[in-house]
Protein backbone atom coordinates (compact mmCIF):
# COMPACT_ATOMS: atom_id res chain seq x y z
CA UNK A 1 -0.03 0.02 -0.01
CA UNK A 2 1.50 3.28 -0.89
CA UNK A 3 1.98 5.78 1.79
CA UNK A 4 -0.85 8.32 2.22
CA UNK A 5 -0.10 11.30 4.39
CA UNK A 6 -2.61 11.93 7.22
CA UNK A 7 -4.16 15.35 7.12
CA UNK A 8 -3.72 17.20 10.32
CA UNK A 9 -6.95 17.75 12.29
CA UNK A 10 -8.53 21.16 11.78
CA UNK A 11 -7.35 23.79 14.12
CA UNK A 12 -10.02 24.98 16.46
CA UNK A 13 -11.31 28.50 16.15
CA UNK A 14 -10.51 30.65 19.07
CA UNK A 15 -12.54 33.66 20.11
CA UNK A 16 -11.04 36.97 21.14
CA UNK A 17 -11.26 35.95 24.76
CA UNK A 18 -9.23 32.79 23.93
CA UNK A 19 -12.23 30.43 24.17
CA UNK A 20 -12.70 27.81 21.50
CA UNK A 21 -15.70 28.41 19.22
CA UNK A 22 -17.66 25.31 18.21
CA UNK A 23 -18.96 25.44 14.61
CA UNK A 24 -21.98 23.27 13.86
CA UNK A 25 -22.51 22.31 10.28
CA UNK A 26 -26.15 22.57 9.16
CA UNK A 27 -27.96 19.36 8.44
CA UNK A 28 -29.18 18.50 5.00
CA UNK A 29 -32.79 19.44 5.88
CA UNK A 30 -31.73 22.74 7.41
CA UNK A 31 -29.60 23.55 4.42
CA UNK A 32 -32.50 22.84 2.10
CA UNK A 33 -34.69 25.20 4.10
CA UNK A 34 -32.39 28.07 3.39
CA UNK A 35 -32.53 27.57 -0.33
CA UNK A 36 -34.75 30.13 -2.21
CA UNK A 37 -37.87 28.61 -3.80
CA UNK A 38 -38.80 30.67 -6.84
CA UNK A 39 -42.41 29.36 -6.68
CA UNK A 40 -42.87 30.09 -3.04
CA UNK A 41 -44.94 33.22 -3.68
CA UNK A 42 -47.44 31.14 -5.67
CA UNK A 43 -47.87 28.50 -2.99
CA UNK A 44 -48.16 31.10 -0.21
CA UNK A 45 -50.50 33.42 -2.14
CA UNK A 46 -53.53 34.68 -0.12
CA UNK A 47 -56.32 32.26 -1.23
CA UNK A 48 -58.94 34.41 0.51
CA UNK A 49 -58.84 37.07 -2.22
CA UNK A 50 -61.37 35.32 -4.43
CA UNK A 51 -63.74 35.15 -1.50
CA UNK A 52 -63.49 38.83 -0.99
CA UNK A 53 -64.32 39.39 -4.69
CA UNK A 54 -67.21 36.95 -4.43
CA UNK A 55 -68.53 38.75 -1.34
CA UNK A 56 -68.23 42.11 -3.02
CA UNK A 57 -70.14 40.76 -6.01
CA UNK A 58 -72.88 39.42 -3.75
CA UNK A 59 -73.31 42.77 -2.01
CA UNK A 60 -73.51 44.54 -5.38
CA UNK A 61 -76.24 42.17 -6.49
CA UNK A 62 -78.25 42.78 -3.36
CA UNK A 63 -77.96 46.50 -3.80
CA UNK A 64 -79.03 46.23 -7.39
CA UNK A 65 -82.06 44.17 -6.44
CA UNK A 66 -83.02 46.69 -3.76
CA UNK A 67 -82.67 49.55 -6.27
CA UNK A 68 -84.92 47.69 -8.65
CA UNK A 69 -87.57 47.11 -5.99
CA UNK A 70 -87.60 50.89 -5.16
CA UNK A 71 -87.89 51.76 -8.86
CA UNK A 72 -90.84 49.37 -9.22
CA UNK A 73 -92.48 50.81 -6.07
CA UNK A 74 -92.26 54.32 -7.55
CA UNK A 75 -93.59 53.26 -10.85
CA UNK A 76 -96.55 51.46 -9.08
CA UNK A 77 -97.30 54.62 -7.03
CA UNK A 78 -97.44 56.69 -10.26
CA UNK A 79 -99.74 54.26 -11.99
CA UNK A 80 -102.06 54.10 -9.00
CA UNK A 81 -102.27 57.88 -8.84
CA UNK A 82 -103.17 58.05 -12.48
CA UNK A 83 -105.86 55.38 -12.03
CA UNK A 84 -107.19 56.89 -8.80
CA UNK A 85 -110.55 58.67 -8.72
CA UNK A 86 -110.79 62.38 -9.51
CA UNK A 87 -109.35 64.93 -7.19
CA UNK A 88 -111.61 65.45 -4.11
CA UNK A 89 -111.71 69.13 -4.86
CA UNK A 90 -113.38 68.41 -8.19
CA UNK A 91 -116.04 66.31 -6.58
CA UNK A 92 -116.64 69.03 -4.02
CA UNK A 93 -116.92 71.63 -6.77
CA UNK A 94 -119.54 69.52 -8.53
CA UNK A 95 -121.61 69.21 -5.39
CA UNK A 96 -121.25 72.99 -4.76
CA UNK A 97 -122.48 73.79 -8.29
CA UNK A 98 -125.53 71.56 -7.70
CA UNK A 99 -126.31 73.22 -4.39
CA UNK A 100 -125.97 76.71 -5.99
CA UNK A 101 -128.38 75.61 -8.75
CA UNK A 102 -131.02 74.59 -6.22
CA UNK A 103 -130.69 77.91 -4.39
CA UNK A 104 -131.09 79.79 -7.68
CA UNK A 105 -134.19 77.78 -8.50
CA UNK A 106 -135.83 78.56 -5.14
CA UNK A 107 -134.89 82.24 -5.42
CA UNK A 108 -136.51 82.46 -8.84
CA UNK A 109 -139.78 81.18 -7.44
CA UNK A 110 -139.70 84.05 -4.94
CA UNK A 111 -139.14 86.42 -7.90
CA UNK A 112 -142.21 85.06 -9.72
CA UNK A 113 -144.60 84.29 -6.74
CA UNK A 114 -143.62 86.86 -4.15
CA UNK A 115 -146.53 89.05 -3.10
CA UNK A 116 -144.47 92.04 -1.99
CA UNK A 117 -141.82 94.02 -3.82
CA UNK A 118 -139.40 93.51 -0.96
CA UNK A 119 -139.58 89.77 -1.32
CA UNK A 120 -139.21 89.91 -5.09
CA UNK A 121 -136.21 92.23 -4.83
CA UNK A 122 -134.61 90.04 -2.26
CA UNK A 123 -135.18 87.01 -4.44
CA UNK A 124 -133.57 88.77 -7.46
CA UNK A 125 -130.54 89.73 -5.42
CA UNK A 126 -130.07 86.14 -4.11
CA UNK A 127 -130.53 84.62 -7.53
CA UNK A 128 -128.07 87.05 -9.20
CA UNK A 129 -125.42 86.77 -6.43
CA UNK A 130 -125.47 82.88 -6.27
CA UNK A 131 -125.52 82.68 -10.09
CA UNK A 132 -122.37 84.71 -10.22
CA UNK A 133 -120.67 82.46 -7.74
CA UNK A 134 -121.83 79.45 -9.74
CA UNK A 135 -119.97 80.89 -12.75
CA UNK A 136 -116.73 80.70 -10.80
CA UNK A 137 -117.55 77.12 -9.72
CA UNK A 138 -118.30 76.07 -13.32
CA UNK A 139 -115.12 77.75 -14.55
CA UNK A 140 -113.10 75.78 -12.06
CA UNK A 141 -114.73 72.52 -13.22
CA UNK A 142 -114.12 73.45 -16.91
CA UNK A 143 -110.43 74.20 -16.31
CA UNK A 144 -110.15 70.73 -14.74
CA UNK A 145 -111.95 69.10 -17.61
CA UNK A 146 -115.10 68.25 -15.64
CA UNK A 147 -118.29 68.53 -17.61
CA UNK A 148 -121.57 69.01 -15.79
CA UNK A 149 -124.69 68.85 -17.90
CA UNK A 150 -128.08 70.42 -16.88
CA UNK A 151 -129.38 67.10 -15.70
CA UNK A 152 -126.49 66.52 -13.29
CA UNK A 153 -126.57 70.21 -12.24
CA UNK A 154 -130.20 69.74 -11.14
CA UNK A 155 -129.49 66.65 -9.06
CA UNK A 156 -130.28 68.45 -5.73
CA UNK A 157 -133.72 69.48 -6.92
CA UNK A 158 -135.98 68.79 -3.97
CA UNK A 159 -139.66 68.24 -4.78
CA UNK A 160 -140.58 68.62 -1.12
CA UNK A 161 -139.48 72.22 -1.31
CA UNK A 162 -141.78 72.82 -4.29
CA UNK A 163 -144.73 71.26 -2.42
CA UNK A 164 -144.06 73.39 0.62
CA UNK A 165 -144.00 76.63 -1.48
CA UNK A 166 -147.13 75.59 -3.40
CA UNK A 167 -149.01 74.98 -0.14
CA UNK A 168 -147.85 78.26 1.14
CA UNK A 169 -149.13 80.07 -1.96
CA UNK A 170 -152.45 78.41 -1.56
CA UNK A 171 -152.69 79.50 2.03
CA UNK A 172 -151.56 83.04 1.21
CA UNK A 173 -148.36 82.59 3.33
CA UNK A 174 -145.90 82.41 0.47
CA UNK A 175 -143.71 85.35 1.41
CA UNK A 176 -142.98 84.23 4.96
CA UNK A 177 -142.58 80.57 3.98
CA UNK A 178 -140.28 81.39 1.15
CA UNK A 179 -138.19 83.69 3.24
CA UNK A 180 -137.85 81.07 5.92
CA UNK A 181 -136.98 78.35 3.37
CA UNK A 182 -134.47 80.61 1.68
CA UNK A 183 -132.80 81.40 4.96
CA UNK A 184 -132.48 77.67 5.74
CA UNK A 185 -131.03 77.00 2.27
CA UNK A 186 -128.43 79.75 2.59
CA UNK A 187 -127.49 78.78 6.16
CA UNK A 188 -126.82 75.20 5.08
CA UNK A 189 -124.95 76.51 2.07
CA UNK A 190 -122.76 78.72 4.20
CA UNK A 191 -121.81 75.89 6.50
CA UNK A 192 -121.06 73.56 3.54
CA UNK A 193 -118.84 76.21 1.89
CA UNK A 194 -116.94 76.73 5.10
CA UNK A 195 -116.49 72.95 5.61
CA UNK A 196 -115.26 72.48 2.00
CA UNK A 197 -112.81 75.33 2.43
CA UNK A 198 -111.17 73.63 5.42
CA UNK A 199 -111.04 70.22 3.67
CA UNK A 200 -109.38 71.21 0.43
CA UNK A 201 -105.78 72.17 -0.24
CA UNK A 202 -106.45 73.32 -3.77
CA UNK A 203 -105.68 77.04 -3.94
CA UNK A 204 -107.93 77.72 -7.00
CA UNK A 205 -110.85 76.00 -5.37
CA UNK A 206 -110.27 77.85 -2.09
CA UNK A 207 -110.54 81.15 -4.01
CA UNK A 208 -113.96 80.06 -5.39
CA UNK A 209 -115.14 79.02 -1.91
CA UNK A 210 -114.01 82.27 -0.28
CA UNK A 211 -115.89 84.39 -2.79
CA UNK A 212 -119.04 82.33 -2.31
CA UNK A 213 -118.72 82.55 1.50
CA UNK A 214 -118.36 86.31 1.44
CA UNK A 215 -121.25 86.76 -0.99
CA UNK A 216 -123.56 84.44 1.00
CA UNK A 217 -122.82 86.20 4.24
CA UNK A 218 -124.23 89.39 2.81
CA UNK A 219 -127.35 87.48 1.59
CA UNK A 220 -128.01 86.05 5.09
CA UNK A 221 -127.76 89.61 6.46
CA UNK A 222 -130.23 90.83 3.74
CA UNK A 223 -132.75 88.10 4.77
CA UNK A 224 -132.42 88.94 8.44
CA UNK A 225 -133.53 92.45 7.92
CA UNK A 226 -137.13 93.13 9.15
């Protein structure tokens, strides 16, 4: 066997304080752990990101559905308002015109059948004043595309009033009975006008009602004179 020189043992490393320093060689596993893995960023990527995107999409869909429901509710409200019955003020105006027509009719009977000039003059004043107020009522109805024919206008014609006045004429008490009847009609009319004024928010109809109320107040004062 040829001679092989023996390598001298490694000289220990000595610290500055003269103490030997022990050097431990890393194991194979430890060495492998220090190696850089170029695909590490892929394996260690945050896999929760798709969940966040999915969650955001779900919230967006919910908001979109809610927005759609709100839109449908608005459309439904508009359709219902279009299909709803006529404005309450228009119905009130129709009733008011009918009531005015009946007052005018009774006043005209006083003009024809009154036995004294005072009664006939009072009847003419009432008929003219209420007819003027009725013009305003009819104008309001016309502007709002509500047609009222003569038959509908005479809907409040009360045959009992005619019978009462005919009986009064036969008993020679027409003037007093007519005056009492006319006072009752105007008092009821005044209360109805005031009630309608408080119930409606329509400015145009309120103007019609205020004029009628002021005119009728003067007529009641005229009837109250001895």
